[in-house]
Amino acid sequence: MSSNPVDVVKASYEAMLNRGDLEGFLSFFAEDGVLLEADSLPYGGRFTGPNEIRTALMQVMETFSAFSFEPDIFATTGEWVIAYGSFAVTVRKTGKSVTFPLAEAAHVIDGKIKLIHPVYGDTAAILAALH
């Protein structure tokens, strides 16, 4: 496995977004890796370590019947990677769909993700779609 930060992020996305392989995605995280989600979302908060991140992502999968992130750009400086593209979800409960820009910052050290922090273009759209 490559330790190049962009390769690590791309491979983690391939696991989760293209193959639906949650455990494969989690294998890219350091034991103390962190997922930061917007507090306003039903699955918001700070999740540390693969077990907490798994729990958070299970909440995401319970909330949405479909979700995707298609990065158009990967920008990097050292250990940091910013992926920018289009994020789309369909809310399981309401069937409503929303699409908007998303930037995701990832900090990769020694081939492992230490932090992923999605910065949503419109959390209000998600909240509206939930009802």
N, C-alpha and C. Protein backbone atom coordinates (compact mmCIF):
# COMPACT_ATOMS: atom_id res chain seq x y z
N MET A 1 0.84 -1.17 0.00
CA MET A 1 0.00 0.00 0.00
C MET A 1 0.90 1.24 0.00
N SER A 2 0.57 2.20 -0.82
CA SER A 2 1.31 3.45 -0.93
C SER A 2 1.13 4.28 0.33
N SER A 3 2.18 5.02 0.71
CA SER A 3 2.05 5.94 1.83
C SER A 3 1.87 7.37 1.34
N ASN A 4 1.83 7.56 0.01
CA ASN A 4 1.57 8.89 -0.55
C ASN A 4 0.18 9.33 -0.10
N PRO A 5 0.08 10.51 0.54
CA PRO A 5 -1.21 10.94 1.10
C PRO A 5 -2.37 10.94 0.10
N VAL A 6 -2.15 11.41 -1.12
CA VAL A 6 -3.24 11.42 -2.10
C VAL A 6 -3.65 9.98 -2.46
N ASP A 7 -2.68 9.10 -2.62
CA ASP A 7 -3.00 7.70 -2.93
C ASP A 7 -3.80 7.05 -1.81
N VAL A 8 -3.43 7.36 -0.56
CA VAL A 8 -4.14 6.80 0.60
C VAL A 8 -5.60 7.27 0.60
N VAL A 9 -5.80 8.56 0.41
CA VAL A 9 -7.16 9.11 0.41
C VAL A 9 -7.97 8.52 -0.75
N LYS A 10 -7.39 8.48 -1.94
CA LYS A 10 -8.09 7.91 -3.09
C LYS A 10 -8.45 6.44 -2.85
N ALA A 11 -7.53 5.68 -2.29
CA ALA A 11 -7.80 4.26 -2.03
C ALA A 11 -8.89 4.09 -0.96
N SER A 12 -8.90 4.97 0.04
CA SER A 12 -9.95 4.88 1.06
C SER A 12 -11.31 5.18 0.45
N TYR A 13 -11.37 6.18 -0.43
CA TYR A 13 -12.62 6.50 -1.12
C TYR A 13 -13.07 5.35 -2.01
N GLU A 14 -12.12 4.74 -2.70
CA GLU A 14 -12.44 3.59 -3.56
C GLU A 14 -13.11 2.50 -2.73
N ALA A 15 -12.56 2.23 -1.55
CA ALA A 15 -13.12 1.19 -0.68
C ALA A 15 -14.55 1.54 -0.27
N MET A 16 -14.77 2.74 0.23
CA MET A 16 -16.07 3.10 0.79
C MET A 16 -17.09 3.46 -0.28
N LEU A 17 -16.69 4.33 -1.19
CA LEU A 17 -17.66 4.90 -2.13
C LEU A 17 -17.91 4.03 -3.36
N ASN A 18 -16.90 3.32 -3.81
CA ASN A 18 -17.09 2.50 -5.02
C ASN A 18 -17.41 1.05 -4.72
N ARG A 19 -16.86 0.52 -3.62
CA ARG A 19 -17.10 -0.89 -3.29
C ARG A 19 -18.04 -1.08 -2.11
N GLY A 20 -18.34 0.00 -1.37
CA GLY A 20 -19.18 -0.13 -0.19
C GLY A 20 -18.52 -0.95 0.91
N ASP A 21 -17.20 -0.91 0.96
CA ASP A 21 -16.42 -1.73 1.89
C ASP A 21 -16.04 -0.89 3.11
N LEU A 22 -16.92 -0.88 4.10
CA LEU A 22 -16.70 -0.08 5.30
C LEU A 22 -15.42 -0.52 6.03
N GLU A 23 -15.24 -1.81 6.20
CA GLU A 23 -14.05 -2.29 6.91
C GLU A 23 -12.78 -1.95 6.14
N GLY A 24 -12.84 -2.04 4.81
CA GLY A 24 -11.70 -1.64 4.00
C GLY A 24 -11.38 -0.16 4.18
N PHE A 25 -12.42 0.67 4.22
CA PHE A 25 -12.25 2.10 4.45
C PHE A 25 -11.59 2.34 5.81
N LEU A 26 -12.10 1.67 6.83
CA LEU A 26 -11.56 1.85 8.18
C LEU A 26 -10.12 1.41 8.30
N SER A 27 -9.69 0.47 7.46
CA SER A 27 -8.31 -0.01 7.53
C SER A 27 -7.30 1.07 7.16
N PHE A 28 -7.75 2.15 6.53
CA PHE A 28 -6.85 3.24 6.17
C PHE A 28 -6.62 4.21 7.32
N PHE A 29 -7.39 4.08 8.41
CA PHE A 29 -7.27 4.99 9.54
C PHE A 29 -6.22 4.51 10.54
N ALA A 30 -5.53 5.48 11.14
CA ALA A 30 -4.66 5.19 12.27
C ALA A 30 -5.56 4.78 13.45
N GLU A 31 -5.00 4.08 14.41
CA GLU A 31 -5.78 3.66 15.58
C GLU A 31 -6.38 4.85 16.32
N ASP A 32 -5.71 5.99 16.25
CA ASP A 32 -6.23 7.20 16.88
C ASP A 32 -6.75 8.20 15.85
N GLY A 33 -7.07 7.70 14.66
CA GLY A 33 -7.60 8.55 13.60
C GLY A 33 -8.94 9.17 14.02
N VAL A 34 -9.25 10.33 13.44
CA VAL A 34 -10.44 11.09 13.83
C VAL A 34 -11.27 11.42 12.61
N LEU A 35 -12.58 11.27 12.76
CA LEU A 35 -13.56 11.76 11.79
C LEU A 35 -14.32 12.88 12.48
N LEU A 36 -14.32 14.06 11.87
CA LEU A 36 -15.05 15.21 12.40
C LEU A 36 -16.23 15.48 11.48
N GLU A 37 -17.44 15.36 12.00
CA GLU A 37 -18.65 15.64 11.22
C GLU A 37 -19.34 16.88 11.82
N ALA A 38 -20.02 17.62 10.97
CA ALA A 38 -20.71 18.83 11.41
C ALA A 38 -21.67 18.51 12.55
N ASP A 39 -21.56 19.26 13.64
CA ASP A 39 -22.38 19.00 14.82
C ASP A 39 -23.88 19.12 14.55
N SER A 40 -24.26 19.90 13.56
CA SER A 40 -25.69 20.11 13.28
C SER A 40 -26.34 18.90 12.62
N LEU A 41 -25.55 17.97 12.12
CA LEU A 41 -26.11 16.79 11.43
C LEU A 41 -26.44 15.69 12.43
N PRO A 42 -27.39 14.80 12.08
CA PRO A 42 -27.79 13.74 13.02
C PRO A 42 -26.64 12.81 13.41
N TYR A 43 -25.62 12.75 12.59
CA TYR A 43 -24.46 11.91 12.86
C TYR A 43 -23.23 12.77 13.17
N GLY A 44 -23.46 14.00 13.64
CA GLY A 44 -22.37 14.93 13.88
C GLY A 44 -21.56 14.60 15.11
N GLY A 45 -20.35 15.12 15.14
CA GLY A 45 -19.49 14.97 16.31
C GLY A 45 -18.07 14.61 15.94
N ARG A 46 -17.31 14.30 16.97
CA ARG A 46 -15.90 13.89 16.83
C ARG A 46 -15.83 12.41 17.17
N PHE A 47 -15.30 11.63 16.24
CA PHE A 47 -15.22 10.18 16.40
C PHE A 47 -13.76 9.76 16.28
N THR A 48 -13.26 9.11 17.32
CA THR A 48 -11.85 8.75 17.37
C THR A 48 -11.69 7.23 17.36
N GLY A 49 -10.85 6.76 16.46
CA GLY A 49 -10.56 5.33 16.34
C GLY A 49 -11.57 4.63 15.46
N PRO A 50 -11.15 3.52 14.88
CA PRO A 50 -12.00 2.80 13.94
C PRO A 50 -13.38 2.40 14.48
N ASN A 51 -13.48 2.04 15.75
CA ASN A 51 -14.78 1.62 16.29
C ASN A 51 -15.76 2.78 16.34
N GLU A 52 -15.32 3.95 16.81
CA GLU A 52 -16.21 5.11 16.85
C GLU A 52 -16.55 5.59 15.43
N ILE A 53 -15.55 5.55 14.54
CA ILE A 53 -15.79 5.97 13.16
C ILE A 53 -16.78 5.02 12.50
N ARG A 54 -16.66 3.72 12.75
CA ARG A 54 -17.61 2.74 12.23
C ARG A 54 -19.03 3.08 12.69
N THR A 55 -19.19 3.37 13.98
CA THR A 55 -20.50 3.72 14.54
C THR A 55 -21.07 4.96 13.84
N ALA A 56 -20.23 5.97 13.63
CA ALA A 56 -20.69 7.19 12.95
C ALA A 56 -21.12 6.88 11.52
N LEU A 57 -20.34 6.08 10.82
CA LEU A 57 -20.67 5.77 9.42
C LEU A 57 -21.91 4.88 9.32
N MET A 58 -22.14 4.06 10.32
CA MET A 58 -23.38 3.27 10.34
C MET A 58 -24.58 4.22 10.49
N GLN A 59 -24.44 5.29 11.26
CA GLN A 59 -25.50 6.29 11.38
C GLN A 59 -25.73 6.99 10.03
N VAL A 60 -24.64 7.27 9.32
CA VAL A 60 -24.77 7.88 7.99
C VAL A 60 -25.57 6.94 7.09
N MET A 61 -25.23 5.66 7.11
CA MET A 61 -25.91 4.69 6.25
C MET A 61 -27.37 4.48 6.66
N GLU A 62 -27.69 4.65 7.94
CA GLU A 62 -29.07 4.57 8.39
C GLU A 62 -29.86 5.80 7.98
N THR A 63 -29.19 6.95 7.89
CA THR A 63 -29.84 8.21 7.54
C THR A 63 -30.12 8.29 6.04
N PHE A 64 -29.17 7.81 5.23
CA PHE A 64 -29.28 7.94 3.78
C PHE A 64 -29.41 6.58 3.10
N SER A 65 -30.32 6.52 2.13
CA SER A 65 -30.42 5.30 1.33
C SER A 65 -29.38 5.30 0.22
N ALA A 66 -28.86 6.47 -0.10
CA ALA A 66 -27.79 6.60 -1.09
C ALA A 66 -26.96 7.83 -0.74
N PHE A 67 -25.65 7.72 -0.92
CA PHE A 67 -24.79 8.88 -0.78
C PHE A 67 -23.57 8.67 -1.68
N SER A 68 -23.06 9.79 -2.18
CA SER A 68 -21.88 9.72 -3.03
C SER A 68 -21.05 10.99 -2.85
N PHE A 69 -19.79 10.84 -3.10
CA PHE A 69 -18.88 11.97 -3.15
C PHE A 69 -17.97 11.74 -4.34
N GLU A 70 -18.02 12.67 -5.28
CA GLU A 70 -17.20 12.55 -6.48
C GLU A 70 -16.22 13.72 -6.54
N PRO A 71 -15.02 13.49 -6.03
CA PRO A 71 -14.02 14.56 -6.04
C PRO A 71 -13.55 14.87 -7.47
N ASP A 72 -13.47 16.15 -7.77
CA ASP A 72 -12.93 16.62 -9.04
C ASP A 72 -11.47 17.02 -8.90
N ILE A 73 -11.10 17.42 -7.69
CA ILE A 73 -9.77 17.96 -7.44
C ILE A 73 -9.21 17.36 -6.16
N PHE A 74 -7.95 16.99 -6.22
CA PHE A 74 -7.19 16.61 -5.03
C PHE A 74 -6.01 17.58 -4.94
N ALA A 75 -5.97 18.38 -3.90
CA ALA A 75 -4.86 19.31 -3.69
C ALA A 75 -4.10 18.83 -2.46
N THR A 76 -2.80 18.96 -2.50
CA THR A 76 -2.01 18.44 -1.40
C THR A 76 -0.85 19.36 -1.07
N THR A 77 -0.50 19.34 0.18
CA THR A 77 0.72 19.96 0.65
C THR A 77 1.23 19.10 1.80
N GLY A 78 2.31 18.44 1.56
CA GLY A 78 2.87 17.56 2.58
C GLY A 78 1.92 16.44 2.96
N GLU A 79 1.56 16.40 4.23
CA GLU A 79 0.70 15.33 4.75
C GLU A 79 -0.79 15.63 4.62
N TRP A 80 -1.13 16.79 4.08
CA TRP A 80 -2.53 17.22 3.98
C TRP A 80 -3.06 17.07 2.57
N VAL A 81 -4.30 16.57 2.48
CA VAL A 81 -4.98 16.41 1.20
C VAL A 81 -6.35 17.06 1.31
N ILE A 82 -6.70 17.87 0.33
CA ILE A 82 -8.05 18.42 0.23
C ILE A 82 -8.69 17.82 -1.01
N ALA A 83 -9.80 17.14 -0.84
CA ALA A 83 -10.58 16.62 -1.96
C ALA A 83 -11.80 17.52 -2.10
N TYR A 84 -12.05 18.00 -3.32
CA TYR A 84 -13.18 18.89 -3.55
C TYR A 84 -14.01 18.35 -4.70
N GLY A 85 -15.31 18.30 -4.48
CA GLY A 85 -16.18 17.80 -5.53
C GLY A 85 -17.64 17.91 -5.16
N SER A 86 -18.42 17.01 -5.70
CA SER A 86 -19.87 17.04 -5.55
C SER A 86 -20.33 15.92 -4.60
N PHE A 87 -21.15 16.29 -3.63
CA PHE A 87 -21.69 15.37 -2.64
C PHE A 87 -23.18 15.25 -2.87
N ALA A 88 -23.70 14.05 -2.87
CA ALA A 88 -25.14 13.84 -3.08
C ALA A 88 -25.64 12.79 -2.09
N VAL A 89 -26.83 13.03 -1.55
CA VAL A 89 -27.46 12.08 -0.63
C VAL A 89 -28.94 11.98 -0.94
N THR A 90 -29.50 10.83 -0.59
CA THR A 90 -30.95 10.63 -0.59
C THR A 90 -31.32 10.18 0.81
N VAL A 91 -32.23 10.91 1.44
CA VAL A 91 -32.63 10.62 2.81
C VAL A 91 -33.55 9.40 2.80
N ARG A 92 -33.20 8.41 3.60
CA ARG A 92 -33.95 7.16 3.65
C ARG A 92 -35.41 7.39 4.06
N LYS A 93 -35.64 8.21 5.07
CA LYS A 93 -36.98 8.40 5.65
C LYS A 93 -37.92 9.17 4.71
N THR A 94 -37.38 10.18 4.00
CA THR A 94 -38.24 11.06 3.20
C THR A 94 -38.14 10.83 1.69
N GLY A 95 -37.05 10.20 1.26
CA GLY A 95 -36.82 10.01 -0.17
C GLY A 95 -36.30 11.26 -0.86
N LYS A 96 -36.10 12.35 -0.13
CA LYS A 96 -35.60 13.60 -0.70
C LYS A 96 -34.10 13.49 -0.95
N SER A 97 -33.69 14.11 -2.07
CA SER A 97 -32.27 14.11 -2.45
C SER A 97 -31.73 15.52 -2.49
N VAL A 98 -30.47 15.67 -2.14
CA VAL A 98 -29.79 16.95 -2.24
C VAL A 98 -28.38 16.72 -2.78
N THR A 99 -27.89 17.71 -3.50
CA THR A 99 -26.54 17.69 -4.04
C THR A 99 -25.92 19.06 -3.82
N PHE A 100 -24.65 19.09 -3.41
CA PHE A 100 -23.96 20.35 -3.22
C PHE A 100 -22.46 20.09 -3.15
N PRO A 101 -21.64 21.16 -3.18
CA PRO A 101 -20.20 20.99 -3.09
C PRO A 101 -19.76 20.51 -1.71
N LEU A 102 -18.67 19.76 -1.71
CA LEU A 102 -18.08 19.28 -0.46
C LEU A 102 -16.57 19.36 -0.61
N ALA A 103 -15.92 19.84 0.43
CA ALA A 103 -14.46 19.77 0.53
C ALA A 103 -14.16 18.88 1.72
N GLU A 104 -13.22 17.99 1.55
CA GLU A 104 -12.87 17.11 2.66
C GLU A 104 -11.37 17.20 2.89
N ALA A 105 -11.01 17.62 4.11
CA ALA A 105 -9.60 17.72 4.48
C ALA A 105 -9.18 16.41 5.14
N ALA A 106 -8.05 15.89 4.72
CA ALA A 106 -7.51 14.66 5.31
C ALA A 106 -6.05 14.88 5.68
N HIS A 107 -5.69 14.41 6.85
CA HIS A 107 -4.30 14.46 7.31
C HIS A 107 -3.81 13.03 7.34
N VAL A 108 -2.78 12.76 6.55
CA VAL A 108 -2.26 11.40 6.41
C VAL A 108 -0.81 11.38 6.88
N ILE A 109 -0.53 10.51 7.85
CA ILE A 109 0.82 10.38 8.38
C ILE A 109 1.24 8.91 8.27
N ASP A 110 2.40 8.68 7.66
CA ASP A 110 2.94 7.32 7.51
C ASP A 110 1.93 6.37 6.89
N GLY A 111 1.19 6.86 5.90
CA GLY A 111 0.26 6.01 5.17
C GLY A 111 -1.06 5.74 5.86
N LYS A 112 -1.32 6.40 6.99
CA LYS A 112 -2.57 6.21 7.72
C LYS A 112 -3.29 7.54 7.90
N ILE A 113 -4.60 7.51 7.81
CA ILE A 113 -5.40 8.72 7.98
C ILE A 113 -5.50 9.04 9.47
N LYS A 114 -5.05 10.24 9.82
CA LYS A 114 -5.15 10.72 11.20
C LYS A 114 -6.39 11.58 11.40
N LEU A 115 -6.88 12.18 10.29
CA LEU A 115 -8.04 13.06 10.39
C LEU A 115 -8.74 13.12 9.04
N ILE A 116 -10.06 13.01 9.06
CA ILE A 116 -10.88 13.39 7.92
C ILE A 116 -11.93 14.36 8.45
N HIS A 117 -12.02 15.50 7.78
CA HIS A 117 -12.98 16.53 8.19
C HIS A 117 -13.73 17.02 6.96
N PRO A 118 -14.97 16.52 6.74
CA PRO A 118 -15.76 17.04 5.64
C PRO A 118 -16.28 18.44 5.96
N VAL A 119 -16.20 19.31 4.97
CA VAL A 119 -16.72 20.68 5.10
C VAL A 119 -17.83 20.79 4.07
N TYR A 120 -19.06 20.68 4.56
CA TYR A 120 -20.24 20.62 3.70
C TYR A 120 -20.57 21.98 3.11
N GLY A 121 -20.97 21.97 1.84
CA GLY A 121 -21.39 23.19 1.19
C GLY A 121 -22.73 23.69 1.68
N ASP A 122 -23.58 22.78 2.24
CA ASP A 122 -24.92 23.19 2.64
C ASP A 122 -25.54 22.19 3.61
N THR A 123 -25.18 22.27 4.88
CA THR A 123 -25.78 21.36 5.86
C THR A 123 -27.27 21.64 6.02
N ALA A 124 -27.70 22.88 5.79
CA ALA A 124 -29.12 23.22 5.91
C ALA A 124 -29.95 22.43 4.91
N ALA A 125 -29.41 22.17 3.73
CA ALA A 125 -30.13 21.37 2.73
C ALA A 125 -30.36 19.94 3.22
N ILE A 126 -29.36 19.38 3.90
CA ILE A 126 -29.53 18.03 4.46
C ILE A 126 -30.60 18.06 5.53
N LEU A 127 -30.52 19.03 6.43
CA LEU A 127 -31.51 19.12 7.51
C LEU A 127 -32.92 19.29 6.97
N ALA A 128 -33.08 20.09 5.93
CA ALA A 128 -34.40 20.28 5.32
C ALA A 128 -34.90 18.98 4.69
N ALA A 129 -34.01 18.23 4.08
CA ALA A 129 -34.39 16.99 3.41
C ALA A 129 -34.78 15.90 4.41
N LEU A 130 -34.35 16.03 5.66
CA LEU A 130 -34.68 15.04 6.69
C LEU A 130 -36.16 15.10 7.08
N HIS A 131 -36.84 16.20 6.75
CA HIS A 131 -38.23 16.38 7.19
C HIS A 131 -39.18 16.50 6.01
